[in-house]
Amino acid sequence: MSRYYEDLEPGLVFRHQVTRTVSDLDNLMFTCLTHNDQPLHLDEEFGKKTMYGGRIVASLYTLAFVNGVTVRDLTLGTTLGNLGYEEIRFPNPVRLGDTLRSETTILSRRESAKHPNAGIVMFEHRGYNQREEIVVIAKRAGLMLKKAHAIY
């Protein structure tokens, strides 16, 4: 269920239901689509010589997944766009075979001075692996439609 600006009260926490086990193909396709040919993501022998002991998943795949699964719950048809990310951190690497999940906390909201039909909401998205280790934290500003201006 998508939410409008008025529905996104600071302090609300949403645990998103979609989870995914990251496969070798996911990682390979993402690195190819983004032209990220970093051997740390593609070459097991290279990865074995690093502090990780093997390949790790591209961090931007992790961010994209953790942010993407929020759409159905929060912003499908109610967002007018991302305004930017204030902070993105990757405290733990994601490995092939890890299962990811996402949670969002509404940090703040305010009226938009430029767009009277919308408000600005600050989201904090957190991604976790199957061991409940945080793999990404991202703070994002979104321009959210007000109910009175619903498109659907």
Protein backbone atom coordinates (compact mmCIF):
# COMPACT_ATOMS: atom_id res chain seq x y z
CA MET A 1 0.00 0.00 0.00
CA SER A 2 1.51 3.29 -1.07
CA ARG A 3 1.53 6.21 1.33
CA TYR A 4 0.97 9.88 0.80
CA TYR A 5 2.86 12.69 2.50
CA GLU A 6 0.27 12.84 5.30
CA ASP A 7 0.64 9.10 6.02
CA LEU A 8 4.38 9.29 6.62
CA GLU A 9 4.62 10.34 10.25
CA PRO A 10 8.11 10.70 11.72
CA GLY A 11 8.98 7.66 13.84
CA LEU A 12 7.01 5.12 11.80
CA VAL A 13 8.98 1.97 10.96
CA PHE A 14 8.13 -0.29 8.03
CA ARG A 15 9.56 -3.80 7.72
CA HIS A 16 9.30 -4.63 4.03
CA GLN A 17 8.13 -8.15 3.20
CA VAL A 18 10.16 -8.78 0.05
CA THR A 19 13.41 -10.64 0.72
CA ARG A 20 15.97 -11.97 -1.74
CA THR A 21 18.85 -14.38 -1.71
CA VAL A 22 21.55 -12.81 -3.86
CA SER A 23 22.74 -15.15 -6.58
CA ASP A 24 25.85 -15.15 -8.68
CA LEU A 25 23.67 -14.23 -11.67
CA ASP A 26 22.21 -11.19 -9.81
CA ASN A 27 25.70 -9.92 -9.10
CA LEU A 28 26.97 -10.67 -12.61
CA MET A 29 24.01 -8.99 -14.33
CA PHE A 30 24.23 -5.90 -12.13
CA THR A 31 27.96 -5.48 -12.67
CA CYS A 32 27.49 -5.91 -16.44
CA LEU A 33 24.55 -3.51 -16.65
CA THR A 34 26.44 -0.83 -14.72
CA HIS A 35 29.82 -1.50 -16.40
CA ASN A 36 31.34 -2.12 -12.97
CA ASP A 37 34.09 -4.58 -13.83
CA GLN A 38 35.75 -4.42 -10.42
CA PRO A 39 37.39 -7.86 -9.99
CA LEU A 40 36.29 -7.93 -6.35
CA HIS A 41 32.79 -8.64 -7.70
CA LEU A 42 33.70 -10.88 -10.63
CA ASP A 43 36.93 -12.78 -9.96
CA GLU A 44 36.92 -15.35 -7.15
CA GLU A 45 40.69 -15.78 -7.23
CA PHE A 46 41.19 -12.02 -6.92
CA GLY A 47 38.65 -11.93 -4.08
CA LYS A 48 40.47 -14.69 -2.19
CA LYS A 49 43.53 -12.42 -1.96
CA THR A 50 41.53 -9.62 -0.31
CA MET A 51 40.40 -9.12 3.27
CA TYR A 52 37.04 -10.65 2.26
CA GLY A 53 38.47 -14.04 1.26
CA GLY A 54 36.29 -14.18 -1.84
CA ARG A 55 34.00 -12.19 -4.09
CA ILE A 56 31.50 -9.75 -2.60
CA VAL A 57 28.35 -8.30 -4.14
CA ALA A 58 28.50 -4.83 -5.68
CA SER A 59 27.48 -2.34 -3.00
CA LEU A 60 25.21 -0.41 -5.35
CA TYR A 61 23.23 -3.62 -5.98
CA THR A 62 22.66 -3.78 -2.22
CA LEU A 63 21.53 -0.14 -2.12
CA ALA A 64 19.26 -0.60 -5.15
CA PHE A 65 17.59 -3.69 -3.66
CA VAL A 66 17.09 -2.18 -0.21
CA ASN A 67 15.63 1.01 -1.70
CA GLY A 68 13.67 -0.77 -4.45
CA VAL A 69 11.65 -3.05 -2.17
CA THR A 70 10.32 0.02 -0.33
CA VAL A 71 8.40 1.25 -3.38
CA ARG A 72 5.43 -1.12 -3.09
CA ASP A 73 4.93 -0.29 0.60
CA LEU A 74 5.64 3.42 0.57
CA THR A 75 5.87 5.31 -2.70
CA LEU A 76 4.18 3.48 -5.61
CA GLY A 77 2.26 6.20 -7.43
CA THR A 78 2.73 8.71 -4.59
CA THR A 79 6.25 9.96 -5.11
CA LEU A 80 7.26 12.77 -7.42
CA GLY A 81 10.91 11.76 -7.22
CA ASN A 82 14.02 11.31 -5.18
CA LEU A 83 15.66 14.55 -4.14
CA GLY A 84 18.89 12.98 -3.01
CA TYR A 85 20.74 10.86 -0.53
CA GLU A 86 22.37 12.55 2.44
CA GLU A 87 24.32 9.57 3.64
CA ILE A 88 25.00 6.03 2.48
CA ARG A 89 27.08 3.55 4.47
CA PHE A 90 27.95 -0.12 3.93
CA PRO A 91 29.01 -1.45 7.36
CA ASN A 92 29.21 -5.11 6.26
CA PRO A 93 29.77 -6.69 2.84
CA VAL A 94 27.13 -8.77 1.09
CA ARG A 95 28.29 -12.16 -0.11
CA LEU A 96 26.82 -14.39 -2.78
CA GLY A 97 24.10 -16.47 -1.11
CA ASP A 98 23.20 -13.85 1.51
CA THR A 99 19.48 -13.18 1.95
CA LEU A 100 18.62 -9.49 2.16
CA ARG A 101 15.69 -7.68 3.73
CA SER A 102 14.85 -4.00 4.17
CA GLU A 103 13.40 -1.69 6.81
CA THR A 104 12.48 1.98 6.57
CA THR A 105 12.09 4.58 9.31
CA ILE A 106 10.46 7.93 8.62
CA LEU A 107 12.89 10.47 10.06
CA SER A 108 11.14 13.76 9.29
CA ARG A 109 8.82 15.56 6.94
CA ARG A 110 8.08 19.14 5.92
CA GLU A 111 6.00 21.07 3.44
CA SER A 112 7.61 21.81 0.10
CA ALA A 113 8.08 25.52 -0.52
CA LYS A 114 8.35 24.96 -4.28
CA HIS A 115 5.59 22.35 -4.79
CA PRO A 116 2.34 23.03 -2.88
CA ASN A 117 0.99 19.61 -3.94
CA ALA A 118 3.79 17.78 -2.11
CA GLY A 119 6.00 17.56 0.92
CA ILE A 120 9.54 16.41 1.56
CA VAL A 121 10.02 13.24 3.58
CA MET A 122 13.34 12.03 4.94
CA PHE A 123 13.57 8.22 4.89
CA GLU A 124 16.20 6.00 6.48
CA HIS A 125 16.49 2.67 4.67
CA ARG A 126 18.38 -0.16 6.36
CA GLY A 127 19.34 -3.44 4.74
CA TYR A 128 20.05 -6.59 6.73
CA ASN A 129 21.42 -10.00 5.85
CA GLN A 130 20.14 -13.32 7.21
CA ARG A 131 22.33 -12.88 10.33
CA GLU A 132 20.63 -9.52 11.06
CA GLU A 133 23.86 -7.68 10.29
CA ILE A 134 23.32 -4.26 8.78
CA VAL A 135 24.72 -4.20 5.24
CA VAL A 136 23.55 -0.72 4.19
CA ILE A 137 22.10 2.40 5.77
CA ALA A 138 20.88 5.19 3.52
CA LYS A 139 19.16 8.48 4.33
CA ARG A 140 17.06 9.69 1.42
CA ALA A 141 14.87 12.72 0.76
CA GLY A 142 11.76 12.11 -1.31
CA LEU A 143 9.17 14.47 -2.74
CA MET A 144 5.84 12.92 -1.74
CA LEU A 145 2.44 13.75 -3.16
CA LYS A 146 -0.30 15.02 -0.83
CA LYS A 147 -3.63 13.15 -0.72
CA ALA A 148 -5.61 16.10 -2.09
CA HIS A 149 -3.54 15.89 -5.29
CA ALA A 150 -3.75 12.12 -5.84
CA ILE A 151 -3.20 11.08 -9.45
CA TYR A 152 -5.00 7.70 -9.25
